[in-house]
PDB file of N, CA and C in Angstrom:
ATOM      1  N   MET A   1      89.348  87.287 125.506  1.00  0.00           N
ATOM      2  CA  MET A   1      90.735  86.866 125.474  1.00  0.00           C
ATOM      3  C   MET A   1      91.144  86.648 124.015  1.00  0.00           C
ATOM      4  N   LYS A   2      92.316  87.137 123.620  1.00  0.00           N
ATOM      5  CA  LYS A   2      92.805  86.987 122.247  1.00  0.00           C
ATOM      6  C   LYS A   2      93.803  85.847 122.163  1.00  0.00           C
ATOM      7  N   TYR A   3      93.692  85.071 121.083  1.00  0.00           N
ATOM      8  CA  TYR A   3      94.636  83.996 120.803  1.00  0.00           C
ATOM      9  C   TYR A   3      95.143  84.180 119.383  1.00  0.00           C
ATOM     10  N   PRO A   4      96.421  84.563 119.203  1.00  0.00           N
ATOM     11  CA  PRO A   4      96.933  84.789 117.844  1.00  0.00           C
ATOM     12  C   PRO A   4      96.996  83.491 117.055  1.00  0.00           C
ATOM     13  N   ALA A   5      96.506  83.552 115.833  1.00  0.00           N
ATOM     14  CA  ALA A   5      96.569  82.436 114.894  1.00  0.00           C
ATOM     15  C   ALA A   5      96.061  81.133 115.491  1.00  0.00           C
ATOM     16  N   CYS A   6      94.939  81.187 116.188  1.00  0.00           N
ATOM     17  CA  CYS A   6      94.374  80.001 116.823  1.00  0.00           C
ATOM     18  C   CYS A   6      93.061  79.632 116.164  1.00  0.00           C
ATOM     19  N   LEU A   7      92.693  78.387 116.296  1.00  0.00           N
ATOM     20  CA  LEU A   7      91.427  77.902 115.798  1.00  0.00           C
ATOM     21  C   LEU A   7      90.573  77.553 117.005  1.00  0.00           C
ATOM     22  N   LEU A   8      89.435  78.215 117.158  1.00  0.00           N
ATOM     23  CA  LEU A   8      88.517  77.916 118.238  1.00  0.00           C
ATOM     24  C   LEU A   8      87.488  76.909 117.748  1.00  0.00           C
ATOM     25  N   VAL A   9      87.323  75.826 118.501  1.00  0.00           N
ATOM     26  CA  VAL A   9      86.333  74.816 118.170  1.00  0.00           C
ATOM     27  C   VAL A   9      85.259  74.891 119.235  1.00  0.00           C
ATOM     28  N   GLY A  10      84.043  75.236 118.827  1.00  0.00           N
ATOM     29  CA  GLY A  10      82.975  75.432 119.800  1.00  0.00           C
ATOM     30  C   GLY A  10      83.329  76.607 120.682  1.00  0.00           C
ATOM     31  N   SER A  11      82.890  76.572 121.919  1.00  0.00           N
ATOM     32  CA  SER A  11      83.218  77.661 122.835  1.00  0.00           C
ATOM     33  C   SER A  11      84.142  77.211 123.943  1.00  0.00           C
ATOM     34  N   LEU A  12      84.520  75.912 123.943  1.00  0.00           N
ATOM     35  CA  LEU A  12      85.318  75.400 125.052  1.00  0.00           C
ATOM     36  C   LEU A  12      86.714  74.940 124.673  1.00  0.00           C
ATOM     37  N   PHE A  13      86.961  74.658 123.411  1.00  0.00           N
ATOM     38  CA  PHE A  13      88.230  74.053 123.035  1.00  0.00           C
ATOM     39  C   PHE A  13      89.057  74.986 122.160  1.00  0.00           C
ATOM     40  N   LEU A  14      90.340  74.992 122.418  1.00  0.00           N
ATOM     41  CA  LEU A  14      91.297  75.771 121.648  1.00  0.00           C
ATOM     42  C   LEU A  14      92.215  74.772 120.959  1.00  0.00           C
ATOM     43  N   VAL A  15      92.216  74.781 119.611  1.00  0.00           N
ATOM     44  CA  VAL A  15      92.971  73.800 118.850  1.00  0.00           C
ATOM     45  C   VAL A  15      93.916  74.510 117.891  1.00  0.00           C
ATOM     46  N   GLY A  16      95.124  74.005 117.726  1.00  0.00           N
ATOM     47  CA  GLY A  16      96.034  74.496 116.701  1.00  0.00           C
ATOM     48  C   GLY A  16      96.525  75.910 116.925  1.00  0.00           C
ATOM     49  N   CYS A  17      96.800  76.287 118.158  1.00  0.00           N
ATOM     50  CA  CYS A  17      97.268  77.637 118.450  1.00  0.00           C
ATOM     51  C   CYS A  17      98.737  77.767 118.064  1.00  0.00           C
ATOM     52  N   ALA A  18      99.047  78.794 117.279  1.00  0.00           N
ATOM     53  CA  ALA A  18     100.426  79.019 116.841  1.00  0.00           C
ATOM     54  C   ALA A  18     100.753  80.497 116.946  1.00  0.00           C
ATOM     55  N   THR A  19     101.989  80.778 117.250  1.00  0.00           N
ATOM     56  CA  THR A  19     102.458  82.158 117.286  1.00  0.00           C
ATOM     57  C   THR A  19     102.934  82.525 115.890  1.00  0.00           C
ATOM     58  N   PRO A  20     102.570  83.710 115.387  1.00  0.00           N
ATOM     59  CA  PRO A  20     103.042  84.116 114.060  1.00  0.00           C
ATOM     60  C   PRO A  20     104.572  84.119 114.013  1.00  0.00           C
ATOM     61  N   PRO A  21     105.148  83.824 112.850  1.00  0.00           N
ATOM     62  CA  PRO A  21     106.609  83.804 112.747  1.00  0.00           C
ATOM     63  C   PRO A  21     107.200  85.190 112.981  1.00  0.00           C
ATOM     64  N   ALA A  22     108.419  85.205 113.490  1.00  0.00           N
ATOM     65  CA  ALA A  22     109.114  86.471 113.708  1.00  0.00           C
ATOM     66  C   ALA A  22     109.457  87.110 112.367  1.00  0.00           C
ATOM     67  N   PRO A  23     109.437  88.434 112.291  1.00  0.00           N
ATOM     68  CA  PRO A  23     109.809  89.100 111.037  1.00  0.00           C
ATOM     69  C   PRO A  23     111.233  88.730 110.620  1.00  0.00           C
ATOM     70  N   LEU A  24     111.444  88.636 109.328  1.00  0.00           N
ATOM     71  CA  LEU A  24     112.760  88.310 108.789  1.00  0.00           C
ATOM     72  C   LEU A  24     113.667  89.522 108.828  1.00  0.00           C
ATOM     73  N   GLN A  25     114.944  89.291 108.683  1.00  0.00           N
ATOM     74  CA  GLN A  25     115.932  90.355 108.694  1.00  0.00           C
ATOM     75  C   GLN A  25     116.174  90.865 107.289  1.00  0.00           C
ATOM     76  N   PRO A  26     115.819  92.111 107.003  1.00  0.00           N
ATOM     77  CA  PRO A  26     116.010  92.665 105.653  1.00  0.00           C
ATOM     78  C   PRO A  26     117.463  92.673 105.182  1.00  0.00           C
ATOM     79  N   GLN A  27     118.429  92.622 106.108  1.00  0.00           N
ATOM     80  CA  GLN A  27     119.840  92.632 105.709  1.00  0.00           C
ATOM     81  C   GLN A  27     120.199  91.471 104.792  1.00  0.00           C
ATOM     82  N   GLN A  28     119.404  90.414 104.806  1.00  0.00           N
ATOM     83  CA  GLN A  28     119.716  89.272 103.938  1.00  0.00           C
ATOM     84  C   GLN A  28     119.530  89.590 102.455  1.00  0.00           C
ATOM     85  N   LEU A  29     118.964  90.742 102.154  1.00  0.00           N
ATOM     86  CA  LEU A  29     118.856  91.187 100.752  1.00  0.00           C
ATOM     87  C   LEU A  29     120.182  91.718 100.208  1.00  0.00           C
ATOM     88  N   ALA A  30     121.039  92.223 101.086  1.00  0.00           N
ATOM     89  CA  ALA A  30     122.269  92.901 100.664  1.00  0.00           C
ATOM     90  C   ALA A  30     123.161  91.986  99.828  1.00  0.00           C
ATOM     91  N   GLY A  31     123.771  92.601  98.811  1.00  0.00           N
ATOM     92  CA  GLY A  31     124.710  91.884  97.965  1.00  0.00           C
ATOM     93  C   GLY A  31     124.156  91.633  96.577  1.00  0.00           C
ATOM     94  N   PRO A  32     124.893  90.820  95.803  1.00  0.00           N
ATOM     95  CA  PRO A  32     124.503  90.570  94.409  1.00  0.00           C
ATOM     96  C   PRO A  32     123.474  89.439  94.284  1.00  0.00           C
ATOM     97  N   TRP A  33     122.628  89.559  93.264  1.00  0.00           N
ATOM     98  CA  TRP A  33     121.657  88.540  92.888  1.00  0.00           C
ATOM     99  C   TRP A  33     121.754  88.324  91.379  1.00  0.00           C
ATOM    100  N   LYS A  34     121.733  87.077  90.943  1.00  0.00           N
ATOM    101  CA  LYS A  34     121.717  86.731  89.521  1.00  0.00           C
ATOM    102  C   LYS A  34     120.255  86.559  89.121  1.00  0.00           C
ATOM    103  N   VAL A  35     119.783  87.459  88.251  1.00  0.00           N
ATOM    104  CA  VAL A  35     118.366  87.521  87.888  1.00  0.00           C
ATOM    105  C   VAL A  35     118.141  86.886  86.521  1.00  0.00           C
ATOM    106  N   ASP A  36     117.202  85.961  86.464  1.00  0.00           N
ATOM    107  CA  ASP A  36     116.814  85.328  85.200  1.00  0.00           C
ATOM    108  C   ASP A  36     115.585  86.052  84.675  1.00  0.00           C
ATOM    109  N   LEU A  37     115.753  86.748  83.544  1.00  0.00           N
ATOM    110  CA  LEU A  37     114.691  87.551  82.942  1.00  0.00           C
ATOM    111  C   LEU A  37     114.123  86.907  81.676  1.00  0.00           C
ATOM    112  N   ARG A  38     114.232  85.592  81.542  1.00  0.00           N
ATOM    113  CA  ARG A  38     113.722  84.950  80.325  1.00  0.00           C
ATOM    114  C   ARG A  38     112.250  85.307  80.133  1.00  0.00           C
ATOM    115  N   PRO A  39     111.821  85.575  78.896  1.00  0.00           N
ATOM    116  CA  PRO A  39     110.455  86.035  78.654  1.00  0.00           C
ATOM    117  C   PRO A  39     109.385  84.960  78.781  1.00  0.00           C
ATOM    118  N   THR A  40     109.743  83.684  78.586  1.00  0.00           N
ATOM    119  CA  THR A  40     108.804  82.575  78.736  1.00  0.00           C
ATOM    120  C   THR A  40     109.532  81.420  79.403  1.00  0.00           C
ATOM    121  N   PRO A  41     108.807  80.470  79.977  1.00  0.00           N
ATOM    122  CA  PRO A  41     109.482  79.328  80.614  1.00  0.00           C
ATOM    123  C   PRO A  41     110.327  78.506  79.644  1.00  0.00           C
ATOM    124  N   GLN A  42     109.974  78.505  78.359  1.00  0.00           N
ATOM    125  CA  GLN A  42     110.710  77.708  77.376  1.00  0.00           C
ATOM    126  C   GLN A  42     111.923  78.446  76.808  1.00  0.00           C
ATOM    127  N   ALA A  43     112.024  79.739  77.019  1.00  0.00           N
ATOM    128  CA  ALA A  43     113.114  80.536  76.448  1.00  0.00           C
ATOM    129  C   ALA A  43     114.441  80.245  77.144  1.00  0.00           C
ATOM    130  N   GLU A  44     115.514  80.526  76.425  1.00  0.00           N
ATOM    131  CA  GLU A  44     116.854  80.424  77.007  1.00  0.00           C
ATOM    132  C   GLU A  44     116.965  81.382  78.184  1.00  0.00           C
ATOM    133  N   ALA A  45     117.752  81.002  79.184  1.00  0.00           N
ATOM    134  CA  ALA A  45     117.979  81.882  80.331  1.00  0.00           C
ATOM    135  C   ALA A  45     118.604  83.188  79.858  1.00  0.00           C
ATOM    136  N   TYR A  46     118.157  84.282  80.451  1.00  0.00           N
ATOM    137  CA  TYR A  46     118.694  85.609  80.137  1.00  0.00           C
ATOM    138  C   TYR A  46     119.004  86.278  81.464  1.00  0.00           C
ATOM    139  N   PHE A  47     120.296  86.346  81.808  1.00  0.00           N
ATOM    140  CA  PHE A  47     120.699  86.803  83.129  1.00  0.00           C
ATOM    141  C   PHE A  47     121.126  88.264  83.155  1.00  0.00           C
ATOM    142  N   GLN A  48     120.704  88.949  84.190  1.00  0.00           N
ATOM    143  CA  GLN A  48     121.145  90.297  84.521  1.00  0.00           C
ATOM    144  C   GLN A  48     121.423  90.309  86.022  1.00  0.00           C
ATOM    145  N   GLU A  49     121.775  91.459  86.546  1.00  0.00           N
ATOM    146  CA  GLU A  49     122.183  91.529  87.946  1.00  0.00           C
ATOM    147  C   GLU A  49     121.343  92.522  88.736  1.00  0.00           C
ATOM    148  N   LEU A  50     120.981  92.110  89.936  1.00  0.00           N
ATOM    149  CA  LEU A  50     120.400  92.976  90.956  1.00  0.00           C
ATOM    150  C   LEU A  50     121.458  93.076  92.045  1.00  0.00           C
ATOM    151  N   ILE A  51     121.865  94.296  92.369  1.00  0.00           N
ATOM    152  CA  ILE A  51     122.857  94.492  93.434  1.00  0.00           C
ATOM    153  C   ILE A  51     122.241  95.403  94.488  1.00  0.00           C
ATOM    154  N   VAL A  52     122.070  94.861  95.674  1.00  0.00           N
ATOM    155  CA  VAL A  52     121.559  95.649  96.792  1.00  0.00           C
ATOM    156  C   VAL A  52     122.775  96.134  97.582  1.00  0.00           C
ATOM    157  N   THR A  53     123.019  97.445  97.519  1.00  0.00           N
ATOM    158  CA  THR A  53     124.215  98.020  98.129  1.00  0.00           C
ATOM    159  C   THR A  53     123.991  98.508  99.553  1.00  0.00           C
ATOM    160  N   SER A  54     122.743  98.794  99.908  1.00  0.00           N
ATOM    161  CA  SER A  54     122.459  99.352 101.224  1.00  0.00           C
ATOM    162  C   SER A  54     121.054  98.971 101.655  1.00  0.00           C
ATOM    163  N   VAL A  55     120.925  98.501 102.893  1.00  0.00           N
ATOM    164  CA  VAL A  55     119.626  98.205 103.490  1.00  0.00           C
ATOM    165  C   VAL A  55     119.548  98.973 104.794  1.00  0.00           C
ATOM    166  N   LYS A  56     118.514  99.806 104.921  1.00  0.00           N
ATOM    167  CA  LYS A  56     118.355 100.602 106.134  1.00  0.00           C
ATOM    168  C   LYS A  56     116.876 100.678 106.477  1.00  0.00           C
ATOM    169  N   ASP A  57     116.549 100.209 107.680  1.00  0.00           N
ATOM    170  CA  ASP A  57     115.166 100.184 108.139  1.00  0.00           C
ATOM    171  C   ASP A  57     114.302  99.442 107.122  1.00  0.00           C
ATOM    172  N   LYS A  58     113.378 100.113 106.511  1.00  0.00           N
ATOM    173  CA  LYS A  58     112.460  99.482 105.560  1.00  0.00           C
ATOM    174  C   LYS A  58     112.696  99.968 104.137  1.00  0.00           C
ATOM    175  N   SER A  59     113.948 100.314 103.828  1.00  0.00           N
ATOM    176  CA  SER A  59     114.282 100.750 102.473  1.00  0.00           C
ATOM    177  C   SER A  59     115.628 100.162 102.057  1.00  0.00           C
ATOM    178  N   PHE A  60     115.894 100.219 100.755  1.00  0.00           N
ATOM    179  CA  PHE A  60     117.170  99.722 100.255  1.00  0.00           C
ATOM    180  C   PHE A  60     117.547 100.492  98.998  1.00  0.00           C
ATOM    181  N   GLU A  61     118.846 100.399  98.653  1.00  0.00           N
ATOM    182  CA  GLU A  61     119.397 101.047  97.467  1.00  0.00           C
ATOM    183  C   GLU A  61     120.214 100.033  96.689  1.00  0.00           C
ATOM    184  N   GLY A  62     120.475 100.350  95.439  1.00  0.00           N
ATOM    185  CA  GLY A  62     121.299  99.489  94.610  1.00  0.00           C
ATOM    186  C   GLY A  62     121.034  99.725  93.147  1.00  0.00           C
ATOM    187  N   THR A  63     121.273  98.677  92.337  1.00  0.00           N
ATOM    188  CA  THR A  63     121.027  98.741  90.903  1.00  0.00           C
ATOM    189  C   THR A  63     120.340  97.463  90.453  1.00  0.00           C
ATOM    190  N   PHE A  64     119.562  97.591  89.376  1.00  0.00           N
ATOM    191  CA  PHE A  64     118.905  96.445  88.751  1.00  0.00           C
ATOM    192  C   PHE A  64     119.035  96.626  87.252  1.00  0.00           C
ATOM    193  N   TYR A  65     119.626  95.636  86.585  1.00  0.00           N
ATOM    194  CA  TYR A  65     119.847  95.696  85.137  1.00  0.00           C
ATOM    195  C   TYR A  65     120.685  96.924  84.799  1.00  0.00           C
ATOM    196  N   GLY A  66     121.563  97.320  85.723  1.00  0.00           N
ATOM    197  CA  GLY A  66     122.451  98.461  85.530  1.00  0.00           C
ATOM    198  C   GLY A  66     121.833  99.809  85.843  1.00  0.00           C
ATOM    199  N   ALA A  67     120.540  99.860  86.131  1.00  0.00           N
ATOM    200  CA  ALA A  67     119.855 101.129  86.422  1.00  0.00           C
ATOM    201  C   ALA A  67     119.746 101.335  87.931  1.00  0.00           C
ATOM    202  N   PRO A  68     119.886 102.574  88.393  1.00  0.00           N
ATOM    203  CA  PRO A  68     119.751 102.844  89.825  1.00  0.00           C
ATOM    204  C   PRO A  68     118.342 102.525  90.324  1.00  0.00           C
ATOM    205  N   ILE A  69     118.286 101.949  91.504  1.00  0.00           N
ATOM    206  CA  ILE A  69     117.012 101.657  92.154  1.00  0.00           C
ATOM    207  C   ILE A  69     116.513 102.919  92.834  1.00  0.00           C
ATOM    208  N   ARG A  70     115.231 103.238  92.586  1.00  0.00           N
ATOM    209  CA  ARG A  70     114.563 104.339  93.278  1.00  0.00           C
ATOM    210  C   ARG A  70     113.448 103.749  94.128  1.00  0.00           C
ATOM    211  N   GLN A  71     113.136 104.424  95.199  1.00  0.00           N
ATOM    212  CA  GLN A  71     112.001 104.060  96.050  1.00  0.00           C
ATOM    213  C   GLN A  71     112.021 102.593  96.470  1.00  0.00           C
ATOM    214  N   GLY A  72     113.191 102.068  96.828  1.00  0.00           N
ATOM    215  CA  GLY A  72     113.299 100.683  97.276  1.00  0.00           C
ATOM    216  C   GLY A  72     112.655 100.523  98.638  1.00  0.00           C
ATOM    217  N   ARG A  73     111.647  99.678  98.734  1.00  0.00           N
ATOM    218  CA  ARG A  73     110.898  99.475  99.971  1.00  0.00           C
ATOM    219  C   ARG A  73     110.919  98.006 100.361  1.00  0.00           C
ATOM    220  N   ILE A  74     110.899  97.762 101.685  1.00  0.00           N
ATOM    221  CA  ILE A  74     110.937  96.408 102.237  1.00  0.00           C
ATOM    222  C   ILE A  74     109.767  96.248 103.199  1.00  0.00           C
ATOM    223  N   ASN A  75     109.108  95.084 103.139  1.00  0.00           N
ATOM    224  CA  ASN A  75     108.090  94.735 104.117  1.00  0.00           C
ATOM    225  C   ASN A  75     108.375  93.317 104.577  1.00  0.00           C
ATOM    226  N   SER A  76     108.653  93.163 105.865  1.00  0.00           N
ATOM    227  CA  SER A  76     108.885  91.834 106.440  1.00  0.00           C
ATOM    228  C   SER A  76     107.937  91.580 107.605  1.00  0.00           C
ATOM    229  N   ASP A  77     106.897  92.361 107.711  1.00  0.00           N
ATOM    230  CA  ASP A  77     105.984  92.288 108.851  1.00  0.00           C
ATOM    231  C   ASP A  77     105.088  91.055 108.859  1.00  0.00           C
ATOM    232  N   TRP A  78     104.944  90.366 107.740  1.00  0.00           N
ATOM    233  CA  TRP A  78     104.018  89.243 107.644  1.00  0.00           C
ATOM    234  C   TRP A  78     104.734  87.895 107.609  1.00  0.00           C
ATOM    235  N   GLY A  79     106.001  87.869 108.058  1.00  0.00           N
ATOM    236  CA  GLY A  79     106.736  86.614 108.114  1.00  0.00           C
ATOM    237  C   GLY A  79     107.390  86.220 106.803  1.00  0.00           C
ATOM    238  N   THR A  80     107.270  87.057 105.788  1.00  0.00           N
ATOM    239  CA  THR A  80     107.910  86.843 104.492  1.00  0.00           C
ATOM    240  C   THR A  80     108.531  88.167 104.069  1.00  0.00           C
ATOM    241  N   LEU A  81     109.714  88.112 103.509  1.00  0.00           N
ATOM    242  CA  LEU A  81     110.393  89.324 103.065  1.00  0.00           C
ATOM    243  C   LEU A  81     109.913  89.693 101.665  1.00  0.00           C
ATOM    244  N   ARG A  82     109.323  90.887 101.542  1.00  0.00           N
ATOM    245  CA  ARG A  82     108.817  91.385 100.255  1.00  0.00           C
ATOM    246  C   ARG A  82     109.467  92.722  99.948  1.00  0.00           C
ATOM    247  N   ILE A  83     109.726  92.961  98.662  1.00  0.00           N
ATOM    248  CA  ILE A  83     110.338  94.216  98.255  1.00  0.00           C
ATOM    249  C   ILE A  83     109.583  94.812  97.072  1.00  0.00           C
ATOM    250  N   ALA A  84     109.737  96.114  96.895  1.00  0.00           N
ATOM    251  CA  ALA A  84     109.234  96.817  95.723  1.00  0.00           C
ATOM    252  C   ALA A  84     110.195  97.955  95.426  1.00  0.00           C
ATOM    253  N   PHE A  85     110.366  98.276  94.140  1.00  0.00           N
ATOM    254  CA  PHE A  85     111.272  99.352  93.754  1.00  0.00           C
ATOM    255  C   PHE A  85     110.983  99.785  92.327  1.00  0.00           C
ATOM    256  N   VAL A  86     111.586 100.880  91.927  1.00  0.00           N
ATOM    257  CA  VAL A  86     111.390 101.447  90.601  1.00  0.00           C
ATOM    258  C   VAL A  86     112.746 101.648  89.938  1.00  0.00           C
ATOM    259  N   THR A  87     112.832 101.327  88.646  1.00  0.00           N
ATOM    260  CA  THR A  87     113.975 101.691  87.818  1.00  0.00           C
ATOM    261  C   THR A  87     113.417 102.355  86.558  1.00  0.00           C
ATOM    262  N   ALA A  88     114.303 102.871  85.724  1.00  0.00           N
ATOM    263  CA  ALA A  88     113.848 103.524  84.494  1.00  0.00           C
ATOM    264  C   ALA A  88     114.902 103.402  83.411  1.00  0.00           C
ATOM    265  N   ASP A  89     114.437 103.488  82.161  1.00  0.00           N
ATOM    266  CA  ASP A  89     115.316 103.638  81.016  1.00  0.00           C
ATOM    267  C   ASP A  89     114.648 104.629  80.066  1.00  0.00           C
ATOM    268  N   GLY A  90     115.115 104.718  78.844  1.00  0.00           N
ATOM    269  CA  GLY A  90     114.571 105.681  77.902  1.00  0.00           C
ATOM    270  C   GLY A  90     113.100 105.477  77.561  1.00  0.00           C
ATOM    271  N   SER A  91     112.566 104.283  77.834  1.00  0.00           N
ATOM    272  CA  SER A  91     111.157 104.009  77.517  1.00  0.00           C
ATOM    273  C   SER A  91     110.207 104.370  78.651  1.00  0.00           C
ATOM    274  N   GLY A  92     110.748 104.588  79.849  1.00  0.00           N
ATOM    275  CA  GLY A  92     109.889 104.927  80.990  1.00  0.00           C
ATOM    276  C   GLY A  92     110.258 104.152  82.239  1.00  0.00           C
ATOM    277  N   ASP A  93     109.335 104.159  83.201  1.00  0.00           N
ATOM    278  CA  ASP A  93     109.564 103.497  84.484  1.00  0.00           C
ATOM    279  C   ASP A  93     109.236 102.010  84.431  1.00  0.00           C
ATOM    280  N   TYR A  94     109.945 101.261  85.282  1.00  0.00           N
ATOM    281  CA  TYR A  94     109.687  99.848  85.523  1.00  0.00           C
ATOM    282  C   TYR A  94     109.401  99.712  87.019  1.00  0.00           C
ATOM    283  N   HIS A  95     108.239  99.187  87.350  1.00  0.00           N
ATOM    284  CA  HIS A  95     107.857  98.964  88.741  1.00  0.00           C
ATOM    285  C   HIS A  95     108.042  97.476  89.039  1.00  0.00           C
ATOM    286  N   HIS A  96     108.898  97.201  90.019  1.00  0.00           N
ATOM    287  CA  HIS A  96     109.264  95.824  90.353  1.00  0.00           C
ATOM    288  C   HIS A  96     108.768  95.471  91.747  1.00  0.00           C
ATOM    289  N   SER A  97     108.433  94.198  91.939  1.00  0.00           N
ATOM    290  CA  SER A  97     108.152  93.678  93.268  1.00  0.00           C
ATOM    291  C   SER A  97     108.635  92.236  93.313  1.00  0.00           C
ATOM    292  N   ALA A  98     108.948  91.764  94.524  1.00  0.00           N
ATOM    293  CA  ALA A  98     109.432  90.391  94.661  1.00  0.00           C
ATOM    294  C   ALA A  98     109.218  89.913  96.091  1.00  0.00           C
ATOM    295  N   VAL A  99     109.238  88.609  96.237  1.00  0.00           N
ATOM    296  CA  VAL A  99     109.161  87.971  97.545  1.00  0.00           C
ATOM    297  C   VAL A  99     110.343  87.012  97.662  1.00  0.00           C
ATOM    298  N   LEU A 100     110.942  86.956  98.844  1.00  0.00           N
ATOM    299  CA  LEU A 100     112.062  86.049  99.110  1.00  0.00           C
ATOM    300  C   LEU A 100     111.494  84.756  99.681  1.00  0.00           C
ATOM    301  N   GLN A 101     111.687  83.657  98.940  1.00  0.00           N
ATOM    302  CA  GLN A 101     111.208  82.352  99.368  1.00  0.00           C
ATOM    303  C   GLN A 101     112.292  81.325  99.140  1.00  0.00           C
ATOM    304  N   GLN A 102     112.652  80.614 100.197  1.00  0.00           N
ATOM    305  CA  GLN A 102     113.648  79.553 100.125  1.00  0.00           C
ATOM    306  C   GLN A 102     114.940  80.020  99.462  1.00  0.00           C
ATOM    307  N   GLY A 103     115.388  81.220  99.814  1.00  0.00           N
ATOM    308  CA  GLY A 103     116.656  81.744  99.321  1.00  0.00           C
ATOM    309  C   GLY A 103     116.620  82.313  97.919  1.00  0.00           C
ATOM    310  N   ARG A 104     115.438  82.394  97.302  1.00  0.00           N
ATOM    311  CA  ARG A 104     115.290  82.932  95.951  1.00  0.00           C
ATOM    312  C   ARG A 104     114.301  84.076  95.963  1.00  0.00           C
ATOM    313  N   LEU A 105     114.536  85.046  95.101  1.00  0.00           N
ATOM    314  CA  LEU A 105     113.567  86.117  94.886  1.00  0.00           C
ATOM    315  C   LEU A 105     112.684  85.722  93.709  1.00  0.00           C
ATOM    316  N   GLU A 106     111.384  85.824  93.879  1.00  0.00           N
ATOM    317  CA  GLU A 106     110.415  85.588  92.812  1.00  0.00           C
ATOM    318  C   GLU A 106     109.739  86.927  92.573  1.00  0.00           C
ATOM    319  N   GLY A 107     109.885  87.490  91.363  1.00  0.00           N
ATOM    320  CA  GLY A 107     109.445  88.852  91.153  1.00  0.00           C
ATOM    321  C   GLY A 107     108.599  89.086  89.920  1.00  0.00           C
ATOM    322  N   LEU A 108     108.034  90.296  89.880  1.00  0.00           N
ATOM    323  CA  LEU A 108     107.279  90.791  88.737  1.00  0.00           C
ATOM    324  C   LEU A 108     107.789  92.175  88.386  1.00  0.00           C
ATOM    325  N   THR A 109     107.776  92.495  87.101  1.00  0.00           N
ATOM    326  CA  THR A 109     108.120  93.825  86.613  1.00  0.00           C
ATOM    327  C   THR A 109     107.002  94.310  85.712  1.00  0.00           C
ATOM    328  N   ASN A 110     106.498  95.501  86.034  1.00  0.00           N
ATOM    329  CA  ASN A 110     105.491  96.161  85.204  1.00  0.00           C
ATOM    330  C   ASN A 110     106.176  97.307  84.477  1.00  0.00           C
ATOM    331  N   SER A 111     106.276  97.197  83.150  1.00  0.00           N
ATOM    332  CA  SER A 111     106.879  98.253  82.348  1.00  0.00           C
ATOM    333  C   SER A 111     105.783  99.217  81.922  1.00  0.00           C
ATOM    334  N   THR A 112     105.823 100.426  82.455  1.00  0.00           N
ATOM    335  CA  THR A 112     104.798 101.409  82.105  1.00  0.00           C
ATOM    336  C   THR A 112     105.036 101.994  80.720  1.00  0.00           C
ATOM    337  N   GLY A 113     106.279 102.067  80.280  1.00  0.00           N
ATOM    338  CA  GLY A 113     106.591 102.638  78.973  1.00  0.00           C
ATOM    339  C   GLY A 113     106.447 101.654  77.826  1.00  0.00           C
ATOM    340  N   ARG A 114     106.810 100.388  78.076  1.00  0.00           N
ATOM    341  CA  ARG A 114     106.773  99.387  77.015  1.00  0.00           C
ATOM    342  C   ARG A 114     105.543  98.490  77.099  1.00  0.00           C
ATOM    343  N   GLY A 115     104.748  98.640  78.163  1.00  0.00           N
ATOM    344  CA  GLY A 115     103.473  97.942  78.267  1.00  0.00           C
ATOM    345  C   GLY A 115     103.539  96.436  78.418  1.00  0.00           C
ATOM    346  N   PHE A 116     104.361  95.939  79.344  1.00  0.00           N
ATOM    347  CA  PHE A 116     104.364  94.500  79.590  1.00  0.00           C
ATOM    348  C   PHE A 116     104.496  94.221  81.081  1.00  0.00           C
ATOM    349  N   LEU A 117     104.092  93.022  81.466  1.00  0.00           N
ATOM    350  CA  LEU A 117     104.285  92.513  82.820  1.00  0.00           C
ATOM    351  C   LEU A 117     105.145  91.271  82.693  1.00  0.00           C
ATOM    352  N   ALA A 118     106.292  91.268  83.352  1.00  0.00           N
ATOM    353  CA  ALA A 118     107.231  90.157  83.237  1.00  0.00           C
ATOM    354  C   ALA A 118     107.477  89.500  84.590  1.00  0.00           C
ATOM    355  N   TYR A 119     107.603  88.176  84.581  1.00  0.00           N
ATOM    356  CA  TYR A 119     108.012  87.409  85.750  1.00  0.00           C
ATOM    357  C   TYR A 119     109.527  87.276  85.721  1.00  0.00           C
ATOM    358  N   TRP A 120     110.158  87.281  86.896  1.00  0.00           N
ATOM    359  CA  TRP A 120     111.594  87.015  86.977  1.00  0.00           C
ATOM    360  C   TRP A 120     111.903  86.293  88.277  1.00  0.00           C
ATOM    361  N   SER A 121     113.051  85.647  88.310  1.00  0.00           N
ATOM    362  CA  SER A 121     113.520  84.994  89.535  1.00  0.00           C
ATOM    363  C   SER A 121     114.997  85.315  89.701  1.00  0.00           C
ATOM    364  N   ALA A 122     115.450  85.256  90.951  1.00  0.00           N
ATOM    365  CA  ALA A 122     116.854  85.593  91.223  1.00  0.00           C
ATOM    366  C   ALA A 122     117.391  84.700  92.332  1.00  0.00           C
ATOM    367  N   ALA A 123     118.662  84.377  92.206  1.00  0.00           N
ATOM    368  CA  ALA A 123     119.373  83.589  93.215  1.00  0.00           C
ATOM    369  C   ALA A 123     120.743  84.193  93.426  1.00  0.00           C
ATOM    370  N   ARG A 124     121.384  83.812  94.481  1.00  0.00           N
ATOM    371  CA  ARG A 124     122.755  84.276  94.707  1.00  0.00           C
ATOM    372  C   ARG A 124     123.666  83.668  93.655  1.00  0.00           C
ATOM    373  N   PRO A 125     124.611  84.463  93.135  1.00  0.00           N
ATOM    374  CA  PRO A 125     125.528  83.913  92.116  1.00  0.00           C
ATOM    375  C   PRO A 125     126.466  82.877  92.710  1.00  0.00           C
TER     376      PRO A 125
END
C-alpha cells in the first residue's frame, strides 16, 4: 500500500501523513515584474523590468532587461513555481532561472559571455 508523503513508524503505525500540495497556476507569472539586479547586498538597488506577456502550458514569452525571452520554461509540478529562460546581448547568452516564493521571484543569471553568476529578486511594481 502506498502513502504519499507519509512517515511510517515501525510496521504498524502511520504518522504525519500529508498530501502533496496542488501544482500552482503558471498564469500568476503574467505581467510586469520589477527586478533588482544589484551586484552585492550592500550596493544601491538597480532596477530593470521582466515582462511576461504570454503563458501557455509549460512555457512563457516576454522580455527581460529589454531583451526578448527565448526558451521560457515553467515547472510547477513540485508545489513551487520555477522558471528558466534565455536572453542575449552583444556579449552572448544569459541563462536565467527563478523560483516564486511568497509573491517574489528569487533568481540566478549565468552570463556565458561575460563570465559571471548573479543573484536577482523581483516583485510586482
